[in-house]
């Protein structure tokens, strides 16, 4: 054994193999849980993005109403000054 390198499964004991199998099974399980978590998070992100888009539309509507109101007010004031002359 002196000088020989440990390569792969060459010198693996039954305990090593058992631990390897357990670790692989746990890794697969965690990978599945990670995929589920990722889907959950992506779903939440999508919902939040939709809410934000809706809020932006509402803000834009409010700003549009203010701009329209201001334009109407300016128009009324201009017409009042024109008629007073």
PDB file of N, CA and C in Angstrom:
ATOM      1  N   UNK A   1       0.804  -1.185   0.000  1.00  0.00           N
ATOM      2  CA  UNK A   1       0.000   0.000   0.000  1.00  0.00           C
ATOM      3  C   UNK A   1       0.849   1.252   0.000  1.00  0.00           C
ATOM      4  N   UNK A   2       2.045   1.188   0.504  1.00  0.00           N
ATOM      5  CA  UNK A   2       2.903   2.366   0.524  1.00  0.00           C
ATOM      6  C   UNK A   2       3.199   2.764  -0.912  1.00  0.00           C
ATOM      7  N   UNK A   3       3.038   4.046  -1.210  1.00  0.00           N
ATOM      8  CA  UNK A   3       3.308   4.529  -2.551  1.00  0.00           C
ATOM      9  C   UNK A   3       2.087   4.462  -3.456  1.00  0.00           C
ATOM     10  N   UNK A   4       1.124   3.657  -3.115  1.00  0.00           N
ATOM     11  CA  UNK A   4      -0.083   3.587  -3.941  1.00  0.00           C
ATOM     12  C   UNK A   4      -1.030   4.708  -3.534  1.00  0.00           C
ATOM     13  N   UNK A   5      -1.684   5.254  -4.515  1.00  0.00           N
ATOM     14  CA  UNK A   5      -2.655   6.314  -4.235  1.00  0.00           C
ATOM     15  C   UNK A   5      -4.038   5.724  -4.077  1.00  0.00           C
ATOM     16  N   UNK A   6      -4.800   6.377  -3.262  1.00  0.00           N
ATOM     17  CA  UNK A   6      -6.188   5.975  -3.070  1.00  0.00           C
ATOM     18  C   UNK A   6      -6.988   6.515  -4.253  1.00  0.00           C
ATOM     19  N   UNK A   7      -7.445   5.659  -5.115  1.00  0.00           N
ATOM     20  CA  UNK A   7      -8.184   6.114  -6.298  1.00  0.00           C
ATOM     21  C   UNK A   7      -9.598   5.577  -6.257  1.00  0.00           C
ATOM     22  N   UNK A   8     -10.526   6.490  -6.247  1.00  0.00           N
ATOM     23  CA  UNK A   8     -11.932   6.113  -6.331  1.00  0.00           C
ATOM     24  C   UNK A   8     -12.340   5.132  -5.269  1.00  0.00           C
ATOM     25  N   UNK A   9     -12.875   3.987  -5.686  1.00  0.00           N
ATOM     26  CA  UNK A   9     -13.382   2.991  -4.758  1.00  0.00           C
ATOM     27  C   UNK A   9     -12.384   1.897  -4.459  1.00  0.00           C
ATOM     28  N   UNK A  10     -11.138   2.060  -4.848  1.00  0.00           N
ATOM     29  CA  UNK A  10     -10.129   1.009  -4.709  1.00  0.00           C
ATOM     30  C   UNK A  10      -9.967   0.520  -3.276  1.00  0.00           C
ATOM     31  N   UNK A  11      -9.887   1.418  -2.318  1.00  0.00           N
ATOM     32  CA  UNK A  11      -9.655   1.025  -0.927  1.00  0.00           C
ATOM     33  C   UNK A  11     -10.845   1.355  -0.029  1.00  0.00           C
ATOM     34  N   UNK A  12     -12.032   1.487  -0.600  1.00  0.00           N
ATOM     35  CA  UNK A  12     -13.199   1.868   0.193  1.00  0.00           C
ATOM     36  C   UNK A  12     -13.684   0.707   1.053  1.00  0.00           C
ATOM     37  N   UNK A  13     -13.957   1.029   2.299  1.00  0.00           N
ATOM     38  CA  UNK A  13     -14.526   0.018   3.196  1.00  0.00           C
ATOM     39  C   UNK A  13     -16.042   0.027   3.031  1.00  0.00           C
ATOM     40  N   UNK A  14     -16.681  -0.945   3.622  1.00  0.00           N
ATOM     41  CA  UNK A  14     -18.147  -0.983   3.584  1.00  0.00           C
ATOM     42  C   UNK A  14     -18.732   0.258   4.254  1.00  0.00           C
ATOM     43  N   UNK A  15     -18.102   0.690   5.329  1.00  0.00           N
ATOM     44  CA  UNK A  15     -18.563   1.898   6.032  1.00  0.00           C
ATOM     45  C   UNK A  15     -18.446   3.119   5.124  1.00  0.00           C
ATOM     46  N   UNK A  16     -17.323   3.218   4.382  1.00  0.00           N
ATOM     47  CA  UNK A  16     -17.146   4.329   3.439  1.00  0.00           C
ATOM     48  C   UNK A  16     -18.244   4.315   2.386  1.00  0.00           C
ATOM     49  N   UNK A  17     -18.525   3.129   1.858  1.00  0.00           N
ATOM     50  CA  UNK A  17     -19.561   3.002   0.826  1.00  0.00           C
ATOM     51  C   UNK A  17     -20.929   3.395   1.389  1.00  0.00           C
ATOM     52  N   UNK A  18     -21.215   2.929   2.601  1.00  0.00           N
ATOM     53  CA  UNK A  18     -22.497   3.243   3.234  1.00  0.00           C
ATOM     54  C   UNK A  18     -22.646   4.760   3.421  1.00  0.00           C
ATOM     55  N   UNK A  19     -21.584   5.395   3.911  1.00  0.00           N
ATOM     56  CA  UNK A  19     -21.616   6.850   4.097  1.00  0.00           C
ATOM     57  C   UNK A  19     -21.780   7.584   2.765  1.00  0.00           C
ATOM     58  N   UNK A  20     -21.108   7.081   1.744  1.00  0.00           N
ATOM     59  CA  UNK A  20     -21.205   7.692   0.420  1.00  0.00           C
ATOM     60  C   UNK A  20     -22.641   7.602  -0.106  1.00  0.00           C
ATOM     61  N   UNK A  21     -23.244   6.434   0.040  1.00  0.00           N
ATOM     62  CA  UNK A  21     -24.624   6.243  -0.415  1.00  0.00           C
ATOM     63  C   UNK A  21     -25.570   7.154   0.369  1.00  0.00           C
ATOM     64  N   UNK A  22     -25.377   7.239   1.685  1.00  0.00           N
ATOM     65  CA  UNK A  22     -26.217   8.116   2.506  1.00  0.00           C
ATOM     66  C   UNK A  22     -26.061   9.578   2.086  1.00  0.00           C
ATOM     67  N   UNK A  23     -24.818   9.975   1.869  1.00  0.00           N
ATOM     68  CA  UNK A  23     -24.559  11.366   1.465  1.00  0.00           C
ATOM     69  C   UNK A  23     -25.187  11.678   0.110  1.00  0.00           C
ATOM     70  N   UNK A  24     -25.066  10.740  -0.825  1.00  0.00           N
ATOM     71  CA  UNK A  24     -25.659  10.953  -2.150  1.00  0.00           C
ATOM     72  C   UNK A  24     -27.183  11.058  -2.052  1.00  0.00           C
ATOM     73  N   UNK A  25     -27.773  10.193  -1.234  1.00  0.00           N
ATOM     74  CA  UNK A  25     -29.229  10.236  -1.059  1.00  0.00           C
ATOM     75  C   UNK A  25     -29.652  11.569  -0.441  1.00  0.00           C
ATOM     76  N   UNK A  26     -28.910  12.020   0.552  1.00  0.00           N
ATOM     77  CA  UNK A  26     -29.231  13.295   1.195  1.00  0.00           C
ATOM     78  C   UNK A  26     -29.064  14.455   0.218  1.00  0.00           C
ATOM     79  N   UNK A  27     -28.020  14.388  -0.605  1.00  0.00           N
ATOM     80  CA  UNK A  27     -27.796  15.440  -1.597  1.00  0.00           C
ATOM     81  C   UNK A  27     -28.944  15.484  -2.599  1.00  0.00           C
ATOM     82  N   UNK A  28     -29.412  14.318  -3.041  1.00  0.00           N
ATOM     83  CA  UNK A  28     -30.540  14.277  -3.981  1.00  0.00           C
ATOM     84  C   UNK A  28     -31.793  14.867  -3.342  1.00  0.00           C
ATOM     85  N   UNK A  29     -32.016  14.516  -2.087  1.00  0.00           N
ATOM     86  CA  UNK A  29     -33.179  15.038  -1.368  1.00  0.00           C
ATOM     87  C   UNK A  29     -33.096  16.560  -1.249  1.00  0.00           C
ATOM     88  N   UNK A  30     -31.913  17.052  -0.883  1.00  0.00           N
ATOM     89  CA  UNK A  30     -31.724  18.501  -0.755  1.00  0.00           C
ATOM     90  C   UNK A  30     -31.884  19.201  -2.101  1.00  0.00           C
ATOM     91  N   UNK A  31     -31.420  18.545  -3.159  1.00  0.00           N
ATOM     92  CA  UNK A  31     -31.557  19.123  -4.496  1.00  0.00           C
ATOM     93  C   UNK A  31     -33.038  19.271  -4.850  1.00  0.00           C
ATOM     94  N   UNK A  32     -33.830  18.247  -4.521  1.00  0.00           N
ATOM     95  CA  UNK A  32     -35.271  18.324  -4.760  1.00  0.00           C
ATOM     96  C   UNK A  32     -35.917  19.432  -3.957  1.00  0.00           C
ATOM     97  N   UNK A  33     -35.524  19.546  -2.686  1.00  0.00           N
ATOM     98  CA  UNK A  33     -36.067  20.612  -1.838  1.00  0.00           C
ATOM     99  C   UNK A  33     -35.668  21.981  -2.369  1.00  0.00           C
ATOM    100  N   UNK A  34     -34.443  22.078  -2.864  1.00  0.00           N
ATOM    101  CA  UNK A  34     -33.970  23.347  -3.416  1.00  0.00           C
ATOM    102  C   UNK A  34     -34.788  23.735  -4.645  1.00  0.00           C
ATOM    103  N   UNK A  35     -35.100  22.752  -5.500  1.00  0.00           N
ATOM    104  CA  UNK A  35     -35.921  23.040  -6.679  1.00  0.00           C
ATOM    105  C   UNK A  35     -37.298  23.537  -6.261  1.00  0.00           C
ATOM    106  N   UNK A  36     -37.899  22.871  -5.266  1.00  0.00           N
ATOM    107  CA  UNK A  36     -39.213  23.297  -4.771  1.00  0.00           C
ATOM    108  C   UNK A  36     -39.143  24.712  -4.208  1.00  0.00           C
ATOM    109  N   UNK A  37     -38.103  24.989  -3.433  1.00  0.00           N
ATOM    110  CA  UNK A  37     -37.935  26.313  -2.839  1.00  0.00           C
ATOM    111  C   UNK A  37     -37.757  27.367  -3.927  1.00  0.00           C
ATOM    112  N   UNK A  38     -36.966  27.023  -4.949  1.00  0.00           N
ATOM    113  CA  UNK A  38     -36.732  27.953  -6.052  1.00  0.00           C
ATOM    114  C   UNK A  38     -38.054  28.282  -6.750  1.00  0.00           C
ATOM    115  N   UNK A  39     -38.871  27.261  -7.002  1.00  0.00           N
ATOM    116  CA  UNK A  39     -40.169  27.495  -7.633  1.00  0.00           C
ATOM    117  C   UNK A  39     -41.050  28.380  -6.751  1.00  0.00           C
ATOM    118  N   UNK A  40     -41.018  28.119  -5.458  1.00  0.00           N
ATOM    119  CA  UNK A  40     -41.805  28.921  -4.514  1.00  0.00           C
ATOM    120  C   UNK A  40     -41.354  30.382  -4.551  1.00  0.00           C
ATOM    121  N   UNK A  41     -40.050  30.590  -4.496  1.00  0.00           N
ATOM    122  CA  UNK A  41     -39.502  31.956  -4.495  1.00  0.00           C
ATOM    123  C   UNK A  41     -39.819  32.654  -5.813  1.00  0.00           C
ATOM    124  N   UNK A  42     -39.660  31.942  -6.926  1.00  0.00           N
ATOM    125  CA  UNK A  42     -39.939  32.555  -8.224  1.00  0.00           C
ATOM    126  C   UNK A  42     -41.421  32.938  -8.327  1.00  0.00           C
ATOM    127  N   UNK A  43     -42.293  32.111  -7.766  1.00  0.00           N
ATOM    128  CA  UNK A  43     -43.716  32.438  -7.746  1.00  0.00           C
ATOM    129  C   UNK A  43     -43.985  33.698  -6.949  1.00  0.00           C
ATOM    130  N   UNK A  44     -43.332  33.804  -5.796  1.00  0.00           N
ATOM    131  CA  UNK A  44     -43.497  35.008  -4.959  1.00  0.00           C
ATOM    132  C   UNK A  44     -42.973  36.242  -5.683  1.00  0.00           C
ATOM    133  N   UNK A  45     -41.818  36.101  -6.338  1.00  0.00           N
ATOM    134  CA  UNK A  45     -41.226  37.230  -7.071  1.00  0.00           C
ATOM    135  C   UNK A  45     -42.179  37.682  -8.173  1.00  0.00           C
ATOM    136  N   UNK A  46     -42.759  36.708  -8.890  1.00  0.00           N
ATOM    137  CA  UNK A  46     -43.707  37.032  -9.954  1.00  0.00           C
ATOM    138  C   UNK A  46     -44.898  37.822  -9.408  1.00  0.00           C
ATOM    139  N   UNK A  47     -45.444  37.356  -8.280  1.00  0.00           N
ATOM    140  CA  UNK A  47     -46.584  38.054  -7.667  1.00  0.00           C
ATOM    141  C   UNK A  47     -46.200  39.477  -7.280  1.00  0.00           C
ATOM    142  N   UNK A  48     -45.012  39.628  -6.685  1.00  0.00           N
ATOM    143  CA  UNK A  48     -44.563  40.963  -6.276  1.00  0.00           C
ATOM    144  C   UNK A  48     -44.354  41.874  -7.480  1.00  0.00           C
ATOM    145  N   UNK A  49     -43.811  41.314  -8.563  1.00  0.00           N
ATOM    146  CA  UNK A  49     -43.609  42.112  -9.773  1.00  0.00           C
ATOM    147  C   UNK A  49     -44.947  42.570 -10.345  1.00  0.00           C
ATOM    148  N   UNK A  50     -45.949  41.675 -10.309  1.00  0.00           N
ATOM    149  CA  UNK A  50     -47.281  42.051 -10.802  1.00  0.00           C
ATOM    150  C   UNK A  50     -47.881  43.154  -9.938  1.00  0.00           C
ATOM    151  N   UNK A  51     -47.730  43.025  -8.611  1.00  0.00           N
ATOM    152  CA  UNK A  51     -48.247  44.060  -7.708  1.00  0.00           C
ATOM    153  C   UNK A  51     -47.567  45.397  -7.983  1.00  0.00           C
ATOM    154  N   UNK A  52     -46.257  45.354  -8.178  1.00  0.00           N
ATOM    155  CA  UNK A  52     -45.502  46.583  -8.441  1.00  0.00           C
ATOM    156  C   UNK A  52     -45.948  47.209  -9.761  1.00  0.00           C
ATOM    157  N   UNK A  53     -46.161  46.378 -10.778  1.00  0.00           N
ATOM    158  CA  UNK A  53     -46.629  46.894 -12.070  1.00  0.00           C
ATOM    159  C   UNK A  53     -48.002  47.547 -11.907  1.00  0.00           C
ATOM    160  N   UNK A  54     -48.867  46.919 -11.109  1.00  0.00           N
ATOM    161  CA  UNK A  54     -50.200  47.483 -10.859  1.00  0.00           C
ATOM    162  C   UNK A  54     -50.093  48.825 -10.130  1.00  0.00           C
ATOM    163  N   UNK A  55     -49.205  48.878  -9.142  1.00  0.00           N
ATOM    164  CA  UNK A  55     -49.004  50.148  -8.420  1.00  0.00           C
ATOM    165  C   UNK A  55     -48.496  51.234  -9.356  1.00  0.00           C
ATOM    166  N   UNK A  56     -47.571  50.851 -10.241  1.00  0.00           N
ATOM    167  CA  UNK A  56     -47.034  51.827 -11.191  1.00  0.00           C
ATOM    168  C   UNK A  56     -48.133  52.355 -12.110  1.00  0.00           C
ATOM    169  N   UNK A  57     -49.040  51.452 -12.532  1.00  0.00           N
ATOM    170  CA  UNK A  57     -50.157  51.885 -13.378  1.00  0.00           C
ATOM    171  C   UNK A  57     -51.039  52.864 -12.615  1.00  0.00           C
ATOM    172  N   UNK A  58     -51.297  52.549 -11.340  1.00  0.00           N
ATOM    173  CA  UNK A  58     -52.129  53.434 -10.526  1.00  0.00           C
ATOM    174  C   UNK A  58     -51.470  54.800 -10.369  1.00  0.00           C
ATOM    175  N   UNK A  59     -50.167  54.798 -10.109  1.00  0.00           N
ATOM    176  CA  UNK A  59     -49.449  56.075  -9.969  1.00  0.00           C
ATOM    177  C   UNK A  59     -49.527  56.876 -11.257  1.00  0.00           C
ATOM    178  N   UNK A  60     -49.337  56.173 -12.373  1.00  0.00           N
ATOM    179  CA  UNK A  60     -49.394  56.844 -13.665  1.00  0.00           C
ATOM    180  C   UNK A  60     -50.772  57.442 -13.889  1.00  0.00           C
ATOM    181  N   UNK A  61     -51.813  56.717 -13.503  1.00  0.00           N
ATOM    182  CA  UNK A  61     -53.184  57.223 -13.648  1.00  0.00           C
ATOM    183  C   UNK A  61     -53.376  58.480 -12.819  1.00  0.00           C
ATOM    184  N   UNK A  62     -52.897  58.457 -11.590  1.00  0.00           N
ATOM    185  CA  UNK A  62     -53.031  59.625 -10.713  1.00  0.00           C
ATOM    186  C   UNK A  62     -52.279  60.811 -11.303  1.00  0.00           C
ATOM    187  N   UNK A  63     -51.067  60.575 -11.772  1.00  0.00           N
ATOM    188  CA  UNK A  63     -50.270  61.653 -12.373  1.00  0.00           C
ATOM    189  C   UNK A  63     -50.978  62.188 -13.615  1.00  0.00           C
ATOM    190  N   UNK A  64     -51.539  61.302 -14.424  1.00  0.00           N
ATOM    191  CA  UNK A  64     -52.261  61.737 -15.627  1.00  0.00           C
ATOM    192  C   UNK A  64     -53.452  62.609 -15.270  1.00  0.00           C
ATOM    193  N   UNK A  65     -54.170  62.229 -14.221  1.00  0.00           N
ATOM    194  CA  UNK A  65     -55.319  63.027 -13.777  1.00  0.00           C
ATOM    195  C   UNK A  65     -54.850  64.402 -13.319  1.00  0.00           C
ATOM    196  N   UNK A  66     -53.766  64.460 -12.555  1.00  0.00           N
ATOM    197  CA  UNK A  66     -53.242  65.756 -12.106  1.00  0.00           C
ATOM    198  C   UNK A  66     -52.815  66.619 -13.288  1.00  0.00           C
ATOM    199  N   UNK A  67     -52.142  66.013 -14.247  1.00  0.00           N
ATOM    200  CA  UNK A  67     -51.689  66.769 -15.425  1.00  0.00           C
ATOM    201  C   UNK A  67     -52.897  67.293 -16.204  1.00  0.00           C
ATOM    202  N   UNK A  68     -53.894  66.433 -16.386  1.00  0.00           N
ATOM    203  CA  UNK A  68     -55.108  66.855 -17.100  1.00  0.00           C
ATOM    204  C   UNK A  68     -55.814  67.979 -16.355  1.00  0.00           C
ATOM    205  N   UNK A  69     -55.893  67.845 -15.042  1.00  0.00           N
ATOM    206  CA  UNK A  69     -56.536  68.890 -14.230  1.00  0.00           C
ATOM    207  C   UNK A  69     -55.774  70.203 -14.341  1.00  0.00           C
ATOM    208  N   UNK A  70     -54.459  70.129 -14.288  1.00  0.00           N
ATOM    209  CA  UNK A  70     -53.637  71.339 -14.399  1.00  0.00           C
ATOM    210  C   UNK A  70     -53.815  71.973 -15.775  1.00  0.00           C
ATOM    211  N   UNK A  71     -53.846  71.142 -16.821  1.00  0.00           N
ATOM    212  CA  UNK A  71     -54.029  71.668 -18.177  1.00  0.00           C
ATOM    213  C   UNK A  71     -55.398  72.337 -18.311  1.00  0.00           C
ATOM    214  N   UNK A  72     -56.413  71.706 -17.727  1.00  0.00           N
ATOM    215  CA  UNK A  72     -57.759  72.290 -17.766  1.00  0.00           C
ATOM    216  C   UNK A  72     -57.788  73.625 -17.023  1.00  0.00           C
ATOM    217  N   UNK A  73     -57.153  73.669 -15.858  1.00  0.00           N
ATOM    218  CA  UNK A  73     -57.112  74.906 -15.072  1.00  0.00           C
ATOM    219  C   UNK A  73     -56.410  76.013 -15.849  1.00  0.00           C
ATOM    220  N   UNK A  74     -55.291  75.694 -16.472  1.00  0.00           N
ATOM    221  CA  UNK A  74     -54.552  76.689 -17.268  1.00  0.00           C
ATOM    222  C   UNK A  74     -55.423  77.167 -18.420  1.00  0.00           C
ATOM    223  N   UNK A  75     -56.098  76.234 -19.070  1.00  0.00           N
ATOM    224  CA  UNK A  75     -56.967  76.590 -20.192  1.00  0.00           C
ATOM    225  C   UNK A  75     -58.088  77.525 -19.744  1.00  0.00           C
ATOM    226  N   UNK A  76     -58.699  77.228 -18.610  1.00  0.00           N
ATOM    227  CA  UNK A  76     -59.775  78.079 -18.079  1.00  0.00           C
ATOM    228  C   UNK A  76     -59.240  79.470 -17.758  1.00  0.00           C
ATOM    229  N   UNK A  77     -58.087  79.537 -17.116  1.00  0.00           N
ATOM    230  CA  UNK A  77     -57.486  80.834 -16.758  1.00  0.00           C
ATOM    231  C   UNK A  77     -57.164  81.637 -18.005  1.00  0.00           C
ATOM    232  N   UNK A  78     -56.585  80.972 -19.007  1.00  0.00           N
ATOM    233  CA  UNK A  78     -56.242  81.665 -20.259  1.00  0.00           C
ATOM    234  C   UNK A  78     -57.512  82.194 -20.920  1.00  0.00           C
ATOM    235  N   UNK A  79     -58.562  81.384 -20.949  1.00  0.00           N
ATOM    236  CA  UNK A  79     -59.825  81.826 -21.561  1.00  0.00           C
ATOM    237  C   UNK A  79     -60.439  82.990 -20.794  1.00  0.00           C
ATOM    238  N   UNK A  80     -60.340  82.981 -19.466  1.00  0.00           N
ATOM    239  CA  UNK A  80     -60.859  84.094 -18.669  1.00  0.00           C
ATOM    240  C   UNK A  80     -60.136  85.391 -19.009  1.00  0.00           C
ATOM    241  N   UNK A  81     -58.811  85.319 -19.134  1.00  0.00           N
ATOM    242  CA  UNK A  81     -58.045  86.519 -19.472  1.00  0.00           C
ATOM    243  C   UNK A  81     -58.369  87.003 -20.880  1.00  0.00           C
ATOM    244  N   UNK A  82     -58.606  86.060 -21.808  1.00  0.00           N
ATOM    245  CA  UNK A  82     -58.929  86.449 -23.185  1.00  0.00           C
ATOM    246  C   UNK A  82     -60.275  87.175 -23.230  1.00  0.00           C
ATOM    247  N   UNK A  83     -61.254  86.689 -22.459  1.00  0.00           N
ATOM    248  CA  UNK A  83     -62.594  87.279 -22.494  1.00  0.00           C
ATOM    249  C   UNK A  83     -62.673  88.604 -21.739  1.00  0.00           C
ATOM    250  N   UNK A  84     -61.793  88.855 -20.807  1.00  0.00           N
ATOM    251  CA  UNK A  84     -61.805  90.108 -20.043  1.00  0.00           C
ATOM    252  C   UNK A  84     -61.275  91.259 -20.873  1.00  0.00           C
ATOM    253  N   UNK A  85     -60.532  90.983 -21.884  1.00  0.00           N
ATOM    254  CA  UNK A  85     -59.948  92.058 -22.697  1.00  0.00           C
ATOM    255  C   UNK A  85     -60.969  92.699 -23.509  1.00  0.00           C
TER     256      UNK A  85
END
